[in-house]
């Protein structure tokens, strides 16, 4: 009886040792993403970073930010649209922009934006309220609009 118990424990330990290296990279990736957006979580309502003439608006399911220069992030809390989709339009001649969406817990979706190209973001599997994080690094004027689709 004790021999079977010890054999079971040893087998479980061997299986765990074999699976552990496979699980570690995935866990590190999630931790990196959480760490990567931690400054944004530190400022849950508004913006952080450096900017020149940054204007952030939210009205009737449409969020927009215009700027002369922006190196930082702006955020909005909003309900998931009935369609579960956002339409994102971005115009920035240089630099980079990323839309990050967080929900409850550590759920995160990341969408790199391309200037001059509209994008449809599908989050239909989420419910309730989400936070949209717009992370921008552009030293020239730009405008980014996010609109919930009907």
N, C-alpha and C. Protein backbone atom coordinates (compact mmCIF):
# COMPACT_ATOMS: atom_id res chain seq x y z
N UNK A 1 0.82 -1.19 0.00
CA UNK A 1 0.00 0.00 0.00
C UNK A 1 0.87 1.26 0.00
N UNK A 2 1.86 1.31 0.88
CA UNK A 2 2.76 2.47 0.93
C UNK A 2 3.59 2.57 -0.35
N UNK A 3 3.94 1.46 -0.90
CA UNK A 3 4.72 1.45 -2.13
C UNK A 3 3.94 2.10 -3.26
N UNK A 4 2.67 1.78 -3.39
CA UNK A 4 1.82 2.40 -4.41
C UNK A 4 1.70 3.90 -4.20
N UNK A 5 1.57 4.33 -2.98
CA UNK A 5 1.49 5.76 -2.67
C UNK A 5 2.77 6.46 -3.11
N UNK A 6 3.91 5.89 -2.77
CA UNK A 6 5.18 6.50 -3.15
C UNK A 6 5.36 6.50 -4.66
N UNK A 7 4.95 5.44 -5.32
CA UNK A 7 5.05 5.39 -6.78
C UNK A 7 4.16 6.46 -7.40
N UNK A 8 2.96 6.65 -6.86
CA UNK A 8 2.05 7.68 -7.36
C UNK A 8 2.64 9.07 -7.16
N UNK A 9 3.22 9.30 -6.01
CA UNK A 9 3.83 10.61 -5.73
C UNK A 9 4.99 10.86 -6.69
N UNK A 10 5.81 9.87 -6.91
CA UNK A 10 6.96 10.02 -7.80
C UNK A 10 6.49 10.27 -9.24
N UNK A 11 5.47 9.54 -9.68
CA UNK A 11 4.93 9.75 -11.02
C UNK A 11 4.36 11.16 -11.19
N UNK A 12 3.62 11.64 -10.19
CA UNK A 12 3.09 13.00 -10.24
C UNK A 12 4.22 14.03 -10.30
N UNK A 13 5.27 13.79 -9.53
CA UNK A 13 6.40 14.70 -9.53
C UNK A 13 7.09 14.71 -10.89
N UNK A 14 7.24 13.56 -11.53
CA UNK A 14 7.86 13.47 -12.86
C UNK A 14 7.01 14.19 -13.90
N UNK A 15 5.70 13.99 -13.85
CA UNK A 15 4.80 14.67 -14.78
C UNK A 15 4.87 16.18 -14.57
N UNK A 16 4.84 16.61 -13.33
CA UNK A 16 4.94 18.05 -13.02
C UNK A 16 6.27 18.62 -13.53
N UNK A 17 7.36 17.91 -13.32
CA UNK A 17 8.68 18.37 -13.78
C UNK A 17 8.72 18.46 -15.30
N UNK A 18 8.00 17.59 -16.00
CA UNK A 18 7.98 17.62 -17.46
C UNK A 18 7.12 18.76 -17.99
N UNK A 19 6.05 19.09 -17.30
CA UNK A 19 5.13 20.13 -17.75
C UNK A 19 5.60 21.53 -17.35
N UNK A 20 6.29 21.66 -16.27
CA UNK A 20 6.70 22.97 -15.75
C UNK A 20 7.42 23.83 -16.78
N UNK A 21 8.41 23.32 -17.54
CA UNK A 21 9.07 24.19 -18.54
C UNK A 21 8.13 24.69 -19.62
N UNK A 22 7.10 23.93 -19.93
CA UNK A 22 6.14 24.36 -20.94
C UNK A 22 5.24 25.47 -20.43
N UNK A 23 4.89 25.42 -19.16
CA UNK A 23 3.99 26.43 -18.58
C UNK A 23 4.72 27.71 -18.25
N UNK A 24 5.98 27.66 -17.95
CA UNK A 24 6.72 28.84 -17.52
C UNK A 24 6.76 29.96 -18.56
N UNK A 25 7.04 29.68 -19.86
CA UNK A 25 7.05 30.79 -20.82
C UNK A 25 5.71 31.49 -20.93
N UNK A 26 4.61 30.73 -20.89
CA UNK A 26 3.29 31.36 -20.96
C UNK A 26 3.06 32.25 -19.76
N UNK A 27 3.42 31.78 -18.58
CA UNK A 27 3.25 32.59 -17.37
C UNK A 27 4.12 33.83 -17.44
N UNK A 28 5.35 33.70 -17.94
CA UNK A 28 6.22 34.86 -18.05
C UNK A 28 5.66 35.87 -19.03
N UNK A 29 5.05 35.40 -20.11
CA UNK A 29 4.46 36.30 -21.09
C UNK A 29 3.34 37.11 -20.48
N UNK A 30 2.45 36.47 -19.72
CA UNK A 30 1.36 37.19 -19.07
C UNK A 30 1.90 38.18 -18.07
N UNK A 31 2.88 37.76 -17.27
CA UNK A 31 3.47 38.67 -16.30
C UNK A 31 4.13 39.85 -16.99
N UNK A 32 4.80 39.61 -18.12
CA UNK A 32 5.42 40.70 -18.85
C UNK A 32 4.38 41.69 -19.32
N UNK A 33 3.25 41.20 -19.83
CA UNK A 33 2.22 42.10 -20.31
C UNK A 33 1.64 42.91 -19.17
N UNK A 34 1.42 42.29 -18.02
CA UNK A 34 0.90 43.04 -16.87
C UNK A 34 1.92 44.08 -16.44
N UNK A 35 3.18 43.68 -16.38
CA UNK A 35 4.23 44.62 -15.99
C UNK A 35 4.35 45.74 -17.02
N UNK A 36 4.20 45.38 -18.30
CA UNK A 36 4.34 46.35 -19.37
C UNK A 36 3.28 47.45 -19.29
N UNK A 37 2.09 47.12 -18.82
CA UNK A 37 1.04 48.14 -18.75
C UNK A 37 0.84 48.67 -17.35
N UNK A 38 1.71 48.29 -16.41
CA UNK A 38 1.50 48.72 -15.03
C UNK A 38 1.44 50.24 -14.86
N UNK A 39 2.24 51.05 -15.58
CA UNK A 39 2.08 52.50 -15.40
C UNK A 39 0.69 52.97 -15.78
N UNK A 40 0.08 52.31 -16.78
CA UNK A 40 -1.27 52.71 -17.17
C UNK A 40 -2.27 52.38 -16.07
N UNK A 41 -2.08 51.23 -15.40
CA UNK A 41 -2.98 50.90 -14.30
C UNK A 41 -2.81 51.87 -13.15
N UNK A 42 -1.64 52.48 -13.02
CA UNK A 42 -1.40 53.41 -11.93
C UNK A 42 -2.20 54.70 -12.11
N UNK A 43 -2.66 54.96 -13.32
CA UNK A 43 -3.44 56.16 -13.61
C UNK A 43 -4.75 55.74 -14.25
N UNK A 44 -5.68 55.17 -13.47
CA UNK A 44 -6.87 54.57 -14.07
C UNK A 44 -7.84 55.55 -14.71
N UNK A 45 -7.83 56.80 -14.33
CA UNK A 45 -8.79 57.75 -14.88
C UNK A 45 -8.05 58.94 -15.44
N UNK A 46 -7.74 58.91 -16.72
CA UNK A 46 -7.09 60.06 -17.33
C UNK A 46 -5.90 59.68 -18.16
N UNK A 47 -4.78 60.38 -17.94
CA UNK A 47 -3.63 60.22 -18.81
C UNK A 47 -2.35 60.24 -18.00
N UNK A 48 -1.28 59.80 -18.64
CA UNK A 48 0.04 59.93 -18.06
C UNK A 48 1.03 60.14 -19.20
N UNK A 49 2.21 60.64 -18.90
CA UNK A 49 3.23 60.84 -19.90
C UNK A 49 3.38 62.31 -20.23
N UNK A 50 3.98 62.57 -21.37
CA UNK A 50 4.22 63.93 -21.83
C UNK A 50 3.42 64.19 -23.09
N UNK A 51 2.84 65.37 -23.17
CA UNK A 51 2.07 65.70 -24.35
C UNK A 51 2.00 67.18 -24.56
N UNK A 52 1.66 67.56 -25.78
CA UNK A 52 1.48 68.97 -26.13
C UNK A 52 0.13 69.10 -26.81
N UNK A 53 -0.72 69.94 -26.27
CA UNK A 53 -2.07 70.19 -26.79
C UNK A 53 -2.86 68.89 -26.94
N UNK A 54 -2.91 68.10 -25.89
CA UNK A 54 -3.64 66.84 -25.91
C UNK A 54 -5.07 67.10 -25.48
N UNK A 55 -6.03 66.71 -26.32
CA UNK A 55 -7.44 66.84 -25.99
C UNK A 55 -8.09 65.48 -26.09
N UNK A 56 -8.76 65.09 -25.02
CA UNK A 56 -9.40 63.79 -24.94
C UNK A 56 -10.90 64.02 -24.77
N UNK A 57 -11.72 63.40 -25.62
CA UNK A 57 -13.17 63.56 -25.54
C UNK A 57 -13.86 62.21 -25.56
N UNK A 58 -15.04 62.19 -24.94
CA UNK A 58 -15.87 60.99 -24.96
C UNK A 58 -17.32 61.44 -25.02
N UNK A 59 -18.05 61.01 -26.06
CA UNK A 59 -19.43 61.42 -26.22
C UNK A 59 -20.17 60.41 -27.10
N UNK A 60 -21.31 59.95 -26.63
CA UNK A 60 -22.19 59.07 -27.39
C UNK A 60 -21.47 57.85 -27.97
N UNK A 61 -20.68 57.18 -27.17
CA UNK A 61 -20.00 55.97 -27.63
C UNK A 61 -18.80 56.21 -28.51
N UNK A 62 -18.39 57.47 -28.64
CA UNK A 62 -17.22 57.80 -29.45
C UNK A 62 -16.16 58.45 -28.55
N UNK A 63 -14.97 57.88 -28.59
CA UNK A 63 -13.85 58.43 -27.84
C UNK A 63 -12.83 58.92 -28.84
N UNK A 64 -12.18 60.05 -28.52
CA UNK A 64 -11.19 60.59 -29.43
C UNK A 64 -10.10 61.30 -28.64
N UNK A 65 -8.91 61.28 -29.21
CA UNK A 65 -7.80 62.05 -28.66
C UNK A 65 -7.10 62.72 -29.84
N UNK A 66 -6.86 64.02 -29.70
CA UNK A 66 -6.07 64.77 -30.67
C UNK A 66 -4.88 65.35 -29.94
N UNK A 67 -3.77 65.51 -30.65
CA UNK A 67 -2.56 65.98 -29.99
C UNK A 67 -1.61 66.60 -31.01
N UNK A 68 -0.78 67.52 -30.51
CA UNK A 68 0.33 68.03 -31.31
C UNK A 68 1.52 67.11 -31.15
N UNK A 69 1.68 66.56 -29.95
CA UNK A 69 2.72 65.57 -29.65
C UNK A 69 2.26 64.81 -28.42
N UNK A 70 2.53 63.52 -28.38
CA UNK A 70 2.11 62.71 -27.23
C UNK A 70 3.06 61.53 -27.07
N UNK A 71 3.57 61.41 -25.86
CA UNK A 71 4.36 60.24 -25.49
C UNK A 71 3.82 59.78 -24.15
N UNK A 72 2.82 58.91 -24.19
CA UNK A 72 2.17 58.47 -22.97
C UNK A 72 0.88 57.74 -23.28
N UNK A 73 -0.05 57.79 -22.35
CA UNK A 73 -1.29 57.04 -22.51
C UNK A 73 -2.49 57.85 -22.03
N UNK A 74 -3.62 57.60 -22.66
CA UNK A 74 -4.90 58.12 -22.21
C UNK A 74 -5.82 56.92 -22.04
N UNK A 75 -6.80 57.03 -21.17
CA UNK A 75 -7.68 55.88 -20.94
C UNK A 75 -9.12 56.33 -20.80
N UNK A 76 -10.02 55.40 -21.12
CA UNK A 76 -11.45 55.60 -20.96
C UNK A 76 -12.06 54.33 -20.41
N UNK A 77 -13.07 54.48 -19.59
CA UNK A 77 -13.90 53.33 -19.19
C UNK A 77 -15.20 53.45 -19.96
N UNK A 78 -15.64 52.31 -20.51
CA UNK A 78 -16.87 52.35 -21.28
C UNK A 78 -17.49 50.96 -21.31
N UNK A 79 -18.79 50.88 -21.55
CA UNK A 79 -19.43 49.57 -21.67
C UNK A 79 -19.05 48.92 -23.00
N UNK A 80 -19.11 47.60 -23.04
CA UNK A 80 -18.90 46.89 -24.29
C UNK A 80 -20.09 47.22 -25.19
N UNK A 81 -19.85 47.66 -26.44
CA UNK A 81 -20.97 47.97 -27.33
C UNK A 81 -21.86 46.75 -27.56
N UNK A 82 -23.11 46.99 -27.90
CA UNK A 82 -24.05 45.89 -28.14
C UNK A 82 -23.54 44.94 -29.21
N UNK A 83 -22.85 45.46 -30.22
CA UNK A 83 -22.30 44.62 -31.28
C UNK A 83 -21.03 43.90 -30.85
N UNK A 84 -20.41 44.37 -29.77
CA UNK A 84 -19.15 43.78 -29.32
C UNK A 84 -17.96 44.24 -30.14
N UNK A 85 -18.12 45.33 -30.89
CA UNK A 85 -17.05 45.80 -31.77
C UNK A 85 -16.79 47.28 -31.61
N UNK A 86 -15.52 47.64 -31.76
CA UNK A 86 -15.10 49.03 -31.85
C UNK A 86 -14.47 49.26 -33.22
N UNK A 87 -14.72 50.44 -33.77
CA UNK A 87 -14.04 50.86 -35.00
C UNK A 87 -12.99 51.89 -34.59
N UNK A 88 -11.75 51.67 -35.00
CA UNK A 88 -10.65 52.54 -34.60
C UNK A 88 -10.06 53.19 -35.85
N UNK A 89 -9.98 54.52 -35.84
CA UNK A 89 -9.36 55.28 -36.92
C UNK A 89 -8.17 56.03 -36.34
N UNK A 90 -7.03 55.92 -36.99
CA UNK A 90 -5.82 56.55 -36.47
C UNK A 90 -5.11 57.34 -37.56
N UNK A 91 -4.70 58.55 -37.22
CA UNK A 91 -3.89 59.39 -38.10
C UNK A 91 -2.75 59.97 -37.27
N UNK A 92 -1.54 59.45 -37.49
CA UNK A 92 -0.36 60.01 -36.85
C UNK A 92 0.81 59.78 -37.81
N UNK A 93 1.47 60.85 -38.25
CA UNK A 93 2.48 60.70 -39.30
C UNK A 93 3.75 59.98 -38.88
N UNK A 94 4.03 59.93 -37.61
CA UNK A 94 5.25 59.23 -37.16
C UNK A 94 5.00 58.63 -35.78
N UNK A 95 5.88 57.74 -35.38
CA UNK A 95 5.75 57.13 -34.05
C UNK A 95 4.91 55.87 -34.09
N UNK A 96 4.36 55.55 -32.92
CA UNK A 96 3.58 54.32 -32.81
C UNK A 96 2.39 54.54 -31.89
N UNK A 97 1.39 53.70 -32.04
CA UNK A 97 0.21 53.74 -31.17
C UNK A 97 -0.32 52.33 -31.00
N UNK A 98 -0.78 52.05 -29.80
CA UNK A 98 -1.32 50.73 -29.47
C UNK A 98 -2.60 50.94 -28.67
N UNK A 99 -3.64 50.19 -29.01
CA UNK A 99 -4.86 50.16 -28.23
C UNK A 99 -4.82 48.92 -27.36
N UNK A 100 -4.92 49.10 -26.06
CA UNK A 100 -4.97 47.97 -25.13
C UNK A 100 -6.32 48.01 -24.46
N UNK A 101 -6.93 46.85 -24.31
CA UNK A 101 -8.26 46.75 -23.70
C UNK A 101 -8.15 45.81 -22.53
N UNK A 102 -8.60 46.28 -21.38
CA UNK A 102 -8.61 45.43 -20.19
C UNK A 102 -10.04 45.32 -19.69
N UNK A 103 -10.33 44.16 -19.13
CA UNK A 103 -11.63 43.92 -18.52
C UNK A 103 -11.42 43.57 -17.07
N UNK A 104 -12.23 42.69 -16.59
CA UNK A 104 -12.08 42.26 -15.21
C UNK A 104 -10.89 41.32 -15.08
N UNK A 105 -10.30 41.29 -13.92
CA UNK A 105 -9.15 40.42 -13.70
C UNK A 105 -7.95 40.91 -14.48
N UNK A 106 -7.20 39.97 -15.07
CA UNK A 106 -6.02 40.38 -15.81
C UNK A 106 -6.21 40.26 -17.32
N UNK A 107 -7.46 40.19 -17.76
CA UNK A 107 -7.73 40.04 -19.19
C UNK A 107 -7.15 41.24 -19.95
N UNK A 108 -6.46 40.96 -21.03
CA UNK A 108 -5.81 42.01 -21.81
C UNK A 108 -5.85 41.65 -23.27
N UNK A 109 -6.18 42.62 -24.09
CA UNK A 109 -6.06 42.48 -25.54
C UNK A 109 -5.24 43.68 -26.01
N UNK A 110 -4.35 43.44 -26.97
CA UNK A 110 -3.44 44.47 -27.45
C UNK A 110 -3.55 44.55 -28.96
N UNK A 111 -3.77 45.77 -29.51
CA UNK A 111 -3.94 45.97 -30.94
C UNK A 111 -3.04 47.11 -31.41
N UNK A 112 -1.96 46.80 -32.14
CA UNK A 112 -1.14 47.88 -32.72
C UNK A 112 -1.95 48.63 -33.78
N UNK A 113 -1.84 49.95 -33.79
CA UNK A 113 -2.58 50.77 -34.74
C UNK A 113 -1.67 51.19 -35.87
N UNK A 114 -2.24 51.28 -37.07
CA UNK A 114 -1.51 51.72 -38.25
C UNK A 114 -2.16 53.01 -38.72
N UNK A 115 -1.35 54.05 -38.89
CA UNK A 115 -1.86 55.34 -39.33
C UNK A 115 -2.48 55.23 -40.71
N UNK A 116 -3.66 55.84 -40.86
CA UNK A 116 -4.36 55.85 -42.14
C UNK A 116 -5.17 54.61 -42.44
N UNK A 117 -5.20 53.67 -41.51
CA UNK A 117 -5.94 52.43 -41.74
C UNK A 117 -6.96 52.22 -40.62
N UNK A 118 -8.23 52.09 -40.99
CA UNK A 118 -9.27 51.80 -40.00
C UNK A 118 -9.18 50.33 -39.60
N UNK A 119 -9.58 50.06 -38.38
CA UNK A 119 -9.52 48.69 -37.87
C UNK A 119 -10.79 48.42 -37.06
N UNK A 120 -11.31 47.20 -37.19
CA UNK A 120 -12.44 46.75 -36.38
C UNK A 120 -11.89 45.84 -35.30
N UNK A 121 -12.20 46.17 -34.05
CA UNK A 121 -11.74 45.39 -32.89
C UNK A 121 -12.93 44.64 -32.33
N UNK A 122 -12.83 43.32 -32.30
CA UNK A 122 -13.93 42.48 -31.82
C UNK A 122 -13.66 42.03 -30.39
N UNK A 123 -14.52 42.43 -29.47
CA UNK A 123 -14.43 41.97 -28.08
C UNK A 123 -15.79 41.42 -27.65
N UNK A 124 -16.47 40.77 -28.58
CA UNK A 124 -17.83 40.29 -28.33
C UNK A 124 -17.89 39.22 -27.23
N UNK A 125 -16.75 38.60 -26.92
CA UNK A 125 -16.77 37.60 -25.85
C UNK A 125 -16.64 38.23 -24.47
N UNK A 126 -16.50 39.56 -24.40
CA UNK A 126 -16.44 40.25 -23.11
C UNK A 126 -17.79 40.89 -22.82
N UNK A 127 -18.09 41.06 -21.55
CA UNK A 127 -19.34 41.69 -21.14
C UNK A 127 -19.05 42.76 -20.11
N UNK A 128 -20.01 43.64 -19.93
CA UNK A 128 -19.87 44.66 -18.90
C UNK A 128 -19.04 45.83 -19.36
N UNK A 129 -18.17 46.29 -18.47
CA UNK A 129 -17.37 47.47 -18.72
C UNK A 129 -15.92 47.09 -19.02
N UNK A 130 -15.31 47.82 -19.94
CA UNK A 130 -13.89 47.63 -20.26
C UNK A 130 -13.18 48.97 -20.12
N UNK A 131 -11.88 48.91 -20.03
CA UNK A 131 -11.06 50.12 -20.04
C UNK A 131 -10.22 50.09 -21.30
N UNK A 132 -10.29 51.18 -22.06
CA UNK A 132 -9.50 51.32 -23.28
C UNK A 132 -8.28 52.15 -22.94
N UNK A 133 -7.10 51.63 -23.24
CA UNK A 133 -5.83 52.33 -23.02
C UNK A 133 -5.24 52.64 -24.38
N UNK A 134 -5.05 53.90 -24.67
CA UNK A 134 -4.43 54.29 -25.92
C UNK A 134 -3.02 54.75 -25.60
N UNK A 135 -2.03 53.95 -25.98
CA UNK A 135 -0.62 54.24 -25.68
C UNK A 135 0.02 54.76 -26.95
N UNK A 136 0.49 56.01 -26.89
CA UNK A 136 0.98 56.70 -28.09
C UNK A 136 2.40 57.21 -27.87
N UNK A 137 3.21 57.09 -28.90
CA UNK A 137 4.55 57.69 -28.92
C UNK A 137 4.70 58.38 -30.26
N UNK A 138 4.29 59.64 -30.33
CA UNK A 138 4.35 60.40 -31.57
C UNK A 138 4.74 61.83 -31.25
N UNK A 139 5.71 62.32 -31.93
CA UNK A 139 6.17 63.69 -31.69
C UNK A 139 5.58 64.66 -32.71
N UNK A 140 4.61 64.22 -33.47
CA UNK A 140 3.94 65.05 -34.45
C UNK A 140 2.44 65.00 -34.21
N UNK A 141 1.69 65.94 -34.77
CA UNK A 141 0.24 65.98 -34.55
C UNK A 141 -0.46 64.72 -35.04
N UNK A 142 -1.52 64.36 -34.32
CA UNK A 142 -2.28 63.19 -34.71
C UNK A 142 -3.67 63.19 -34.10
N UNK A 143 -4.47 62.25 -34.56
CA UNK A 143 -5.83 62.08 -34.04
C UNK A 143 -6.19 60.61 -34.10
N UNK A 144 -6.78 60.11 -33.03
CA UNK A 144 -7.22 58.72 -32.98
C UNK A 144 -8.64 58.70 -32.44
N UNK A 145 -9.53 58.01 -33.17
CA UNK A 145 -10.93 57.90 -32.76
C UNK A 145 -11.30 56.44 -32.56
N UNK A 146 -12.07 56.21 -31.52
CA UNK A 146 -12.58 54.86 -31.21
C UNK A 146 -14.09 54.99 -31.07
N UNK A 147 -14.82 54.20 -31.84
CA UNK A 147 -16.27 54.31 -31.83
C UNK A 147 -16.90 52.93 -31.70
N UNK A 148 -17.84 52.79 -30.77
CA UNK A 148 -18.59 51.55 -30.63
C UNK A 148 -19.52 51.40 -31.82
N UNK A 149 -19.52 50.22 -32.44
CA UNK A 149 -20.39 49.99 -33.58
C UNK A 149 -21.76 49.52 -33.14
N UNK A 150 -22.77 49.91 -33.90
CA UNK A 150 -24.14 49.53 -33.57
C UNK A 150 -24.46 48.13 -34.00
